[in-house]
């Protein structure tokens, strides 16, 4: 998702959809509290299968709300501050 000076309606809708599931909200909160976390660490904090957590993290990443970096056999995630700023700005402009 591109980061422009203003967030388009499509980008806002994608971000809203991404945080529209409780597991994705919980995943993001965990990453905020830890600064970073491997998929397995997020899985440990949720009552969901690893594949389900991976899908939720993929949706958050595609919406620009988290970043993922491959670290050997793992993917480490962290919050994308630019994505959060874009979401806040888009919501405040409603």
PDB file of N, CA and C in Angstrom:
ATOM      1  N   UNK A   1       0.849  -1.169   0.000  1.00  0.00           N
ATOM      2  CA  UNK A   1       0.000   0.000   0.000  1.00  0.00           C
ATOM      3  C   UNK A   1       0.893   1.230   0.000  1.00  0.00           C
ATOM      4  N   UNK A   2       0.589   2.158  -0.857  1.00  0.00           N
ATOM      5  CA  UNK A   2       1.430   3.348  -0.949  1.00  0.00           C
ATOM      6  C   UNK A   2       1.103   4.322   0.172  1.00  0.00           C
ATOM      7  N   UNK A   3       2.109   5.044   0.596  1.00  0.00           N
ATOM      8  CA  UNK A   3       1.945   6.074   1.619  1.00  0.00           C
ATOM      9  C   UNK A   3       2.039   7.422   0.919  1.00  0.00           C
ATOM     10  N   UNK A   4       0.912   8.080   0.772  1.00  0.00           N
ATOM     11  CA  UNK A   4       0.876   9.391   0.149  1.00  0.00           C
ATOM     12  C   UNK A   4       0.598  10.417   1.231  1.00  0.00           C
ATOM     13  N   UNK A   5       0.623  11.694   0.836  1.00  0.00           N
ATOM     14  CA  UNK A   5       0.349  12.756   1.804  1.00  0.00           C
ATOM     15  C   UNK A   5      -1.039  12.556   2.417  1.00  0.00           C
ATOM     16  N   UNK A   6      -1.986  12.100   1.616  1.00  0.00           N
ATOM     17  CA  UNK A   6      -3.310  11.800   2.123  1.00  0.00           C
ATOM     18  C   UNK A   6      -3.652  10.363   1.770  1.00  0.00           C
ATOM     19  N   UNK A   7      -4.397   9.744   2.640  1.00  0.00           N
ATOM     20  CA  UNK A   7      -4.790   8.361   2.438  1.00  0.00           C
ATOM     21  C   UNK A   7      -6.069   8.334   1.623  1.00  0.00           C
ATOM     22  N   UNK A   8      -6.089   7.484   0.600  1.00  0.00           N
ATOM     23  CA  UNK A   8      -7.278   7.377  -0.236  1.00  0.00           C
ATOM     24  C   UNK A   8      -8.366   6.609   0.515  1.00  0.00           C
ATOM     25  N   UNK A   9      -9.577   6.717   0.005  1.00  0.00           N
ATOM     26  CA  UNK A   9     -10.681   5.985   0.612  1.00  0.00           C
ATOM     27  C   UNK A   9     -10.427   4.480   0.567  1.00  0.00           C
ATOM     28  N   UNK A  10      -9.842   3.989  -0.520  1.00  0.00           N
ATOM     29  CA  UNK A  10      -9.538   2.558  -0.632  1.00  0.00           C
ATOM     30  C   UNK A  10      -8.506   2.135   0.410  1.00  0.00           C
ATOM     31  N   UNK A  11      -7.495   2.965   0.637  1.00  0.00           N
ATOM     32  CA  UNK A  11      -6.480   2.653   1.644  1.00  0.00           C
ATOM     33  C   UNK A  11      -7.091   2.654   3.042  1.00  0.00           C
ATOM     34  N   UNK A  12      -7.926   3.646   3.323  1.00  0.00           N
ATOM     35  CA  UNK A  12      -8.589   3.704   4.627  1.00  0.00           C
ATOM     36  C   UNK A  12      -9.466   2.477   4.823  1.00  0.00           C
ATOM     37  N   UNK A  13     -10.202   2.078   3.798  1.00  0.00           N
ATOM     38  CA  UNK A  13     -11.062   0.900   3.906  1.00  0.00           C
ATOM     39  C   UNK A  13     -10.235  -0.355   4.169  1.00  0.00           C
ATOM     40  N   UNK A  14      -9.086  -0.486   3.517  1.00  0.00           N
ATOM     41  CA  UNK A  14      -8.221  -1.652   3.725  1.00  0.00           C
ATOM     42  C   UNK A  14      -7.672  -1.670   5.152  1.00  0.00           C
ATOM     43  N   UNK A  15      -7.283  -0.501   5.663  1.00  0.00           N
ATOM     44  CA  UNK A  15      -6.773  -0.441   7.039  1.00  0.00           C
ATOM     45  C   UNK A  15      -7.887  -0.741   8.042  1.00  0.00           C
ATOM     46  N   UNK A  16      -9.075  -0.195   7.794  1.00  0.00           N
ATOM     47  CA  UNK A  16     -10.200  -0.443   8.700  1.00  0.00           C
ATOM     48  C   UNK A  16     -10.566  -1.923   8.703  1.00  0.00           C
ATOM     49  N   UNK A  17     -10.546  -2.544   7.534  1.00  0.00           N
ATOM     50  CA  UNK A  17     -10.832  -3.974   7.443  1.00  0.00           C
ATOM     51  C   UNK A  17      -9.767  -4.768   8.207  1.00  0.00           C
ATOM     52  N   UNK A  18      -8.519  -4.334   8.083  1.00  0.00           N
ATOM     53  CA  UNK A  18      -7.416  -5.040   8.748  1.00  0.00           C
ATOM     54  C   UNK A  18      -7.559  -5.024  10.261  1.00  0.00           C
ATOM     55  N   UNK A  19      -8.049  -3.942  10.820  1.00  0.00           N
ATOM     56  CA  UNK A  19      -8.204  -3.891  12.277  1.00  0.00           C
ATOM     57  C   UNK A  19      -9.624  -4.244  12.701  1.00  0.00           C
ATOM     58  N   UNK A  20     -10.418  -4.738  11.745  1.00  0.00           N
ATOM     59  CA  UNK A  20     -11.803  -5.079  12.018  1.00  0.00           C
ATOM     60  C   UNK A  20     -12.010  -6.462  12.612  1.00  0.00           C
ATOM     61  N   UNK A  21     -10.941  -7.136  12.975  1.00  0.00           N
ATOM     62  CA  UNK A  21     -11.056  -8.466  13.580  1.00  0.00           C
ATOM     63  C   UNK A  21     -10.339  -8.447  14.929  1.00  0.00           C
ATOM     64  N   UNK A  22     -10.973  -8.964  15.967  1.00  0.00           N
ATOM     65  CA  UNK A  22     -10.353  -8.916  17.306  1.00  0.00           C
ATOM     66  C   UNK A  22      -8.966  -9.547  17.372  1.00  0.00           C
ATOM     67  N   UNK A  23      -8.727 -10.614  16.635  1.00  0.00           N
ATOM     68  CA  UNK A  23      -7.403 -11.260  16.674  1.00  0.00           C
ATOM     69  C   UNK A  23      -6.339 -10.343  16.083  1.00  0.00           C
ATOM     70  N   UNK A  24      -6.699  -9.549  15.083  1.00  0.00           N
ATOM     71  CA  UNK A  24      -5.722  -8.628  14.501  1.00  0.00           C
ATOM     72  C   UNK A  24      -5.459  -7.460  15.448  1.00  0.00           C
ATOM     73  N   UNK A  25      -6.476  -7.012  16.145  1.00  0.00           N
ATOM     74  CA  UNK A  25      -6.280  -5.959  17.148  1.00  0.00           C
ATOM     75  C   UNK A  25      -5.365  -6.486  18.255  1.00  0.00           C
ATOM     76  N   UNK A  26      -5.620  -7.699  18.729  1.00  0.00           N
ATOM     77  CA  UNK A  26      -4.784  -8.286  19.776  1.00  0.00           C
ATOM     78  C   UNK A  26      -3.350  -8.482  19.301  1.00  0.00           C
ATOM     79  N   UNK A  27      -3.191  -8.945  18.066  1.00  0.00           N
ATOM     80  CA  UNK A  27      -1.844  -9.151  17.511  1.00  0.00           C
ATOM     81  C   UNK A  27      -1.079  -7.847  17.486  1.00  0.00           C
ATOM     82  N   UNK A  28      -1.725  -6.799  17.029  1.00  0.00           N
ATOM     83  CA  UNK A  28      -1.072  -5.496  16.932  1.00  0.00           C
ATOM     84  C   UNK A  28      -0.725  -4.959  18.320  1.00  0.00           C
ATOM     85  N   UNK A  29      -1.622  -5.138  19.279  1.00  0.00           N
ATOM     86  CA  UNK A  29      -1.337  -4.700  20.655  1.00  0.00           C
ATOM     87  C   UNK A  29      -0.122  -5.437  21.219  1.00  0.00           C
ATOM     88  N   UNK A  30      -0.024  -6.734  20.942  1.00  0.00           N
ATOM     89  CA  UNK A  30       1.138  -7.494  21.404  1.00  0.00           C
ATOM     90  C   UNK A  30       2.420  -6.943  20.807  1.00  0.00           C
ATOM     91  N   UNK A  31       2.385  -6.596  19.525  1.00  0.00           N
ATOM     92  CA  UNK A  31       3.581  -6.061  18.874  1.00  0.00           C
ATOM     93  C   UNK A  31       3.942  -4.692  19.429  1.00  0.00           C
ATOM     94  N   UNK A  32       2.955  -3.892  19.772  1.00  0.00           N
ATOM     95  CA  UNK A  32       3.219  -2.586  20.385  1.00  0.00           C
ATOM     96  C   UNK A  32       3.907  -2.779  21.732  1.00  0.00           C
ATOM     97  N   UNK A  33       3.422  -3.724  22.513  1.00  0.00           N
ATOM     98  CA  UNK A  33       3.973  -3.957  23.853  1.00  0.00           C
ATOM     99  C   UNK A  33       5.396  -4.504  23.800  1.00  0.00           C
ATOM    100  N   UNK A  34       5.717  -5.250  22.752  1.00  0.00           N
ATOM    101  CA  UNK A  34       7.029  -5.897  22.668  1.00  0.00           C
ATOM    102  C   UNK A  34       7.992  -5.215  21.710  1.00  0.00           C
ATOM    103  N   UNK A  35       7.551  -4.271  20.940  1.00  0.00           N
ATOM    104  CA  UNK A  35       8.321  -3.611  19.885  1.00  0.00           C
ATOM    105  C   UNK A  35       8.510  -4.509  18.670  1.00  0.00           C
ATOM    106  N   UNK A  36       8.677  -5.806  18.862  1.00  0.00           N
ATOM    107  CA  UNK A  36       8.857  -6.755  17.766  1.00  0.00           C
ATOM    108  C   UNK A  36       8.485  -8.144  18.273  1.00  0.00           C
ATOM    109  N   UNK A  37       8.160  -9.022  17.346  1.00  0.00           N
ATOM    110  CA  UNK A  37       7.842 -10.383  17.756  1.00  0.00           C
ATOM    111  C   UNK A  37       7.803 -11.317  16.570  1.00  0.00           C
ATOM    112  N   UNK A  38       8.257 -12.539  16.807  1.00  0.00           N
ATOM    113  CA  UNK A  38       8.172 -13.573  15.777  1.00  0.00           C
ATOM    114  C   UNK A  38       6.739 -14.088  15.724  1.00  0.00           C
ATOM    115  N   UNK A  39       6.391 -14.671  14.600  1.00  0.00           N
ATOM    116  CA  UNK A  39       5.059 -15.242  14.452  1.00  0.00           C
ATOM    117  C   UNK A  39       4.742 -16.176  15.615  1.00  0.00           C
ATOM    118  N   UNK A  40       5.712 -17.001  16.005  1.00  0.00           N
ATOM    119  CA  UNK A  40       5.477 -17.970  17.089  1.00  0.00           C
ATOM    120  C   UNK A  40       5.146 -17.275  18.408  1.00  0.00           C
ATOM    121  N   UNK A  41       5.722 -16.108  18.652  1.00  0.00           N
ATOM    122  CA  UNK A  41       5.428 -15.367  19.882  1.00  0.00           C
ATOM    123  C   UNK A  41       4.004 -14.828  19.874  1.00  0.00           C
ATOM    124  N   UNK A  42       3.543 -14.397  18.704  1.00  0.00           N
ATOM    125  CA  UNK A  42       2.160 -13.931  18.584  1.00  0.00           C
ATOM    126  C   UNK A  42       1.219 -15.122  18.742  1.00  0.00           C
ATOM    127  N   UNK A  43       1.580 -16.258  18.144  1.00  0.00           N
ATOM    128  CA  UNK A  43       0.769 -17.477  18.276  1.00  0.00           C
ATOM    129  C   UNK A  43       0.618 -17.857  19.748  1.00  0.00           C
ATOM    130  N   UNK A  44       1.700 -17.763  20.506  1.00  0.00           N
ATOM    131  CA  UNK A  44       1.657 -18.111  21.930  1.00  0.00           C
ATOM    132  C   UNK A  44       0.685 -17.226  22.707  1.00  0.00           C
ATOM    133  N   UNK A  45       0.445 -16.015  22.219  1.00  0.00           N
ATOM    134  CA  UNK A  45      -0.429 -15.086  22.926  1.00  0.00           C
ATOM    135  C   UNK A  45      -1.879 -15.136  22.498  1.00  0.00           C
ATOM    136  N   UNK A  46      -2.181 -15.960  21.498  1.00  0.00           N
ATOM    137  CA  UNK A  46      -3.552 -16.040  20.999  1.00  0.00           C
ATOM    138  C   UNK A  46      -4.033 -17.494  20.993  1.00  0.00           C
ATOM    139  N   UNK A  47      -5.330 -17.704  21.179  1.00  0.00           N
ATOM    140  CA  UNK A  47      -5.860 -19.069  21.158  1.00  0.00           C
ATOM    141  C   UNK A  47      -6.199 -19.513  19.730  1.00  0.00           C
ATOM    142  N   UNK A  48      -5.258 -19.314  18.812  1.00  0.00           N
ATOM    143  CA  UNK A  48      -5.494 -19.620  17.398  1.00  0.00           C
ATOM    144  C   UNK A  48      -4.356 -20.458  16.836  1.00  0.00           C
ATOM    145  N   UNK A  49      -4.641 -21.160  15.764  1.00  0.00           N
ATOM    146  CA  UNK A  49      -3.621 -21.949  15.079  1.00  0.00           C
ATOM    147  C   UNK A  49      -2.591 -21.034  14.433  1.00  0.00           C
ATOM    148  N   UNK A  50      -1.385 -21.559  14.265  1.00  0.00           N
ATOM    149  CA  UNK A  50      -0.293 -20.789  13.656  1.00  0.00           C
ATOM    150  C   UNK A  50      -0.686 -20.281  12.280  1.00  0.00           C
ATOM    151  N   UNK A  51      -1.344 -21.095  11.470  1.00  0.00           N
ATOM    152  CA  UNK A  51      -1.726 -20.670  10.124  1.00  0.00           C
ATOM    153  C   UNK A  51      -2.720 -19.517  10.154  1.00  0.00           C
ATOM    154  N   UNK A  52      -3.597 -19.520  11.136  1.00  0.00           N
ATOM    155  CA  UNK A  52      -4.587 -18.444  11.277  1.00  0.00           C
ATOM    156  C   UNK A  52      -3.897 -17.150  11.693  1.00  0.00           C
ATOM    157  N   UNK A  53      -2.977 -17.231  12.636  1.00  0.00           N
ATOM    158  CA  UNK A  53      -2.231 -16.044  13.067  1.00  0.00           C
ATOM    159  C   UNK A  53      -1.410 -15.497  11.907  1.00  0.00           C
ATOM    160  N   UNK A  54      -0.776 -16.375  11.148  1.00  0.00           N
ATOM    161  CA  UNK A  54       0.007 -15.929   9.992  1.00  0.00           C
ATOM    162  C   UNK A  54      -0.860 -15.177   9.001  1.00  0.00           C
ATOM    163  N   UNK A  55      -2.072 -15.652   8.782  1.00  0.00           N
ATOM    164  CA  UNK A  55      -2.999 -14.975   7.869  1.00  0.00           C
ATOM    165  C   UNK A  55      -3.384 -13.597   8.411  1.00  0.00           C
ATOM    166  N   UNK A  56      -3.646 -13.507   9.699  1.00  0.00           N
ATOM    167  CA  UNK A  56      -3.983 -12.212  10.297  1.00  0.00           C
ATOM    168  C   UNK A  56      -2.803 -11.238  10.173  1.00  0.00           C
ATOM    169  N   UNK A  57      -1.597 -11.713  10.414  1.00  0.00           N
ATOM    170  CA  UNK A  57      -0.418 -10.851  10.289  1.00  0.00           C
ATOM    171  C   UNK A  57      -0.199 -10.428   8.839  1.00  0.00           C
ATOM    172  N   UNK A  58      -0.488 -11.315   7.897  1.00  0.00           N
ATOM    173  CA  UNK A  58      -0.363 -10.968   6.475  1.00  0.00           C
ATOM    174  C   UNK A  58      -1.316  -9.821   6.122  1.00  0.00           C
ATOM    175  N   UNK A  59      -2.541  -9.897   6.617  1.00  0.00           N
ATOM    176  CA  UNK A  59      -3.535  -8.852   6.339  1.00  0.00           C
ATOM    177  C   UNK A  59      -3.087  -7.517   6.940  1.00  0.00           C
ATOM    178  N   UNK A  60      -2.582  -7.551   8.171  1.00  0.00           N
ATOM    179  CA  UNK A  60      -2.074  -6.325   8.791  1.00  0.00           C
ATOM    180  C   UNK A  60      -0.889  -5.759   8.007  1.00  0.00           C
ATOM    181  N   UNK A  61      -0.018  -6.643   7.525  1.00  0.00           N
ATOM    182  CA  UNK A  61       1.153  -6.199   6.754  1.00  0.00           C
ATOM    183  C   UNK A  61       0.706  -5.578   5.429  1.00  0.00           C
ATOM    184  N   UNK A  62      -0.208  -6.213   4.732  1.00  0.00           N
ATOM    185  CA  UNK A  62      -0.678  -5.676   3.456  1.00  0.00           C
ATOM    186  C   UNK A  62      -1.376  -4.333   3.621  1.00  0.00           C
ATOM    187  N   UNK A  63      -1.997  -4.116   4.767  1.00  0.00           N
ATOM    188  CA  UNK A  63      -2.666  -2.842   5.031  1.00  0.00           C
ATOM    189  C   UNK A  63      -1.680  -1.771   5.489  1.00  0.00           C
ATOM    190  N   UNK A  64      -0.417  -2.153   5.698  1.00  0.00           N
ATOM    191  CA  UNK A  64       0.595  -1.181   6.097  1.00  0.00           C
ATOM    192  C   UNK A  64       0.630  -0.904   7.588  1.00  0.00           C
ATOM    193  N   UNK A  65      -0.009  -1.752   8.388  1.00  0.00           N
ATOM    194  CA  UNK A  65      -0.072  -1.507   9.821  1.00  0.00           C
ATOM    195  C   UNK A  65       1.016  -2.232  10.606  1.00  0.00           C
ATOM    196  N   UNK A  66       1.639  -3.240  10.012  1.00  0.00           N
ATOM    197  CA  UNK A  66       2.801  -3.890  10.597  1.00  0.00           C
ATOM    198  C   UNK A  66       3.808  -4.149   9.476  1.00  0.00           C
ATOM    199  N   UNK A  67       5.038  -4.379   9.878  1.00  0.00           N
ATOM    200  CA  UNK A  67       6.103  -4.729   8.940  1.00  0.00           C
ATOM    201  C   UNK A  67       6.609  -6.107   9.307  1.00  0.00           C
ATOM    202  N   UNK A  68       6.988  -6.877   8.304  1.00  0.00           N
ATOM    203  CA  UNK A  68       7.543  -8.200   8.548  1.00  0.00           C
ATOM    204  C   UNK A  68       8.921  -8.312   7.931  1.00  0.00           C
ATOM    205  N   UNK A  69       9.819  -8.958   8.650  1.00  0.00           N
ATOM    206  CA  UNK A  69      11.181  -9.150   8.158  1.00  0.00           C
ATOM    207  C   UNK A  69      11.573 -10.604   8.390  1.00  0.00           C
ATOM    208  N   UNK A  70      12.054 -11.245   7.342  1.00  0.00           N
ATOM    209  CA  UNK A  70      12.465 -12.634   7.464  1.00  0.00           C
ATOM    210  C   UNK A  70      13.767 -12.695   8.240  1.00  0.00           C
ATOM    211  N   UNK A  71      13.776 -13.545   9.270  1.00  0.00           N
ATOM    212  CA  UNK A  71      14.932 -13.724  10.144  1.00  0.00           C
ATOM    213  C   UNK A  71      15.199 -15.222  10.234  1.00  0.00           C
ATOM    214  N   UNK A  72      15.956 -15.736   9.262  1.00  0.00           N
ATOM    215  CA  UNK A  72      16.183 -17.179   9.196  1.00  0.00           C
ATOM    216  C   UNK A  72      14.883 -17.883   8.864  1.00  0.00           C
ATOM    217  N   UNK A  73      14.505 -18.897   9.653  1.00  0.00           N
ATOM    218  CA  UNK A  73      13.259 -19.612   9.375  1.00  0.00           C
ATOM    219  C   UNK A  73      12.015 -18.899   9.912  1.00  0.00           C
ATOM    220  N   UNK A  74      12.204 -17.753  10.551  1.00  0.00           N
ATOM    221  CA  UNK A  74      11.094 -17.023  11.156  1.00  0.00           C
ATOM    222  C   UNK A  74      10.839 -15.715  10.424  1.00  0.00           C
ATOM    223  N   UNK A  75       9.668 -15.187  10.671  1.00  0.00           N
ATOM    224  CA  UNK A  75       9.366 -13.820  10.263  1.00  0.00           C
ATOM    225  C   UNK A  75       9.127 -13.034  11.530  1.00  0.00           C
ATOM    226  N   UNK A  76       9.830 -11.919  11.663  1.00  0.00           N
ATOM    227  CA  UNK A  76       9.663 -11.032  12.815  1.00  0.00           C
ATOM    228  C   UNK A  76       8.809  -9.853  12.377  1.00  0.00           C
ATOM    229  N   UNK A  77       7.874  -9.491  13.217  1.00  0.00           N
ATOM    230  CA  UNK A  77       6.953  -8.403  12.916  1.00  0.00           C
ATOM    231  C   UNK A  77       7.141  -7.263  13.901  1.00  0.00           C
ATOM    232  N   UNK A  78       6.852  -6.064  13.421  1.00  0.00           N
ATOM    233  CA  UNK A  78       6.824  -4.885  14.280  1.00  0.00           C
ATOM    234  C   UNK A  78       5.752  -3.948  13.739  1.00  0.00           C
ATOM    235  N   UNK A  79       5.350  -3.026  14.560  1.00  0.00           N
ATOM    236  CA  UNK A  79       4.341  -2.043  14.158  1.00  0.00           C
ATOM    237  C   UNK A  79       4.972  -1.070  13.169  1.00  0.00           C
ATOM    238  N   UNK A  80       4.223  -0.708  12.144  1.00  0.00           N
ATOM    239  CA  UNK A  80       4.674   0.298  11.185  1.00  0.00           C
ATOM    240  C   UNK A  80       4.127   1.651  11.634  1.00  0.00           C
ATOM    241  N   UNK A  81       4.974   2.522  12.193  1.00  0.00           N
ATOM    242  CA  UNK A  81       4.466   3.802  12.705  1.00  0.00           C
ATOM    243  C   UNK A  81       3.874   4.682  11.611  1.00  0.00           C
ATOM    244  N   UNK A  82       4.371   4.583  10.394  1.00  0.00           N
ATOM    245  CA  UNK A  82       3.803   5.371   9.295  1.00  0.00           C
ATOM    246  C   UNK A  82       2.383   4.911   8.978  1.00  0.00           C
ATOM    247  N   UNK A  83       2.161   3.609   9.057  1.00  0.00           N
ATOM    248  CA  UNK A  83       0.827   3.078   8.809  1.00  0.00           C
ATOM    249  C   UNK A  83      -0.165   3.542   9.852  1.00  0.00           C
ATOM    250  N   UNK A  84       0.261   3.520  11.110  1.00  0.00           N
ATOM    251  CA  UNK A  84      -0.611   3.987  12.186  1.00  0.00           C
ATOM    252  C   UNK A  84      -0.908   5.475  12.035  1.00  0.00           C
ATOM    253  N   UNK A  85       0.100   6.262  11.684  1.00  0.00           N
ATOM    254  CA  UNK A  85      -0.112   7.703  11.478  1.00  0.00           C
ATOM    255  C   UNK A  85      -1.087   7.947  10.331  1.00  0.00           C
ATOM    256  N   UNK A  86      -0.954   7.166   9.257  1.00  0.00           N
ATOM    257  CA  UNK A  86      -1.865   7.315   8.118  1.00  0.00           C
ATOM    258  C   UNK A  86      -3.290   6.957   8.509  1.00  0.00           C
ATOM    259  N   UNK A  87      -3.446   5.893   9.304  1.00  0.00           N
ATOM    260  CA  UNK A  87      -4.773   5.497   9.761  1.00  0.00           C
ATOM    261  C   UNK A  87      -5.393   6.580  10.632  1.00  0.00           C
ATOM    262  N   UNK A  88      -4.616   7.098  11.587  1.00  0.00           N
ATOM    263  CA  UNK A  88      -5.117   8.167  12.458  1.00  0.00           C
ATOM    264  C   UNK A  88      -5.527   9.399  11.659  1.00  0.00           C
ATOM    265  N   UNK A  89      -4.697   9.790  10.706  1.00  0.00           N
ATOM    266  CA  UNK A  89      -5.007  10.974   9.904  1.00  0.00           C
ATOM    267  C   UNK A  89      -6.248  10.759   9.050  1.00  0.00           C
ATOM    268  N   UNK A  90      -6.370   9.578   8.482  1.00  0.00           N
ATOM    269  CA  UNK A  90      -7.526   9.291   7.638  1.00  0.00           C
ATOM    270  C   UNK A  90      -8.815   9.272   8.447  1.00  0.00           C
ATOM    271  N   UNK A  91      -8.753   8.699   9.636  1.00  0.00           N
ATOM    272  CA  UNK A  91      -9.943   8.661  10.470  1.00  0.00           C
ATOM    273  C   UNK A  91     -10.328  10.060  10.942  1.00  0.00           C
ATOM    274  N   UNK A  92      -9.334  10.858  11.289  1.00  0.00           N
ATOM    275  CA  UNK A  92      -9.643  12.213  11.772  1.00  0.00           C
ATOM    276  C   UNK A  92     -10.206  13.103  10.673  1.00  0.00           C
ATOM    277  N   UNK A  93     -10.005  12.720   9.425  1.00  0.00           N
ATOM    278  CA  UNK A  93     -10.522  13.534   8.330  1.00  0.00           C
ATOM    279  C   UNK A  93     -11.948  13.170   7.933  1.00  0.00           C
ATOM    280  N   UNK A  94     -12.513  12.164   8.606  1.00  0.00           N
ATOM    281  CA  UNK A  94     -13.883  11.752   8.277  1.00  0.00           C
ATOM    282  C   UNK A  94     -14.902  12.776   8.717  1.00  0.00           C
TER     283      UNK A  94
END
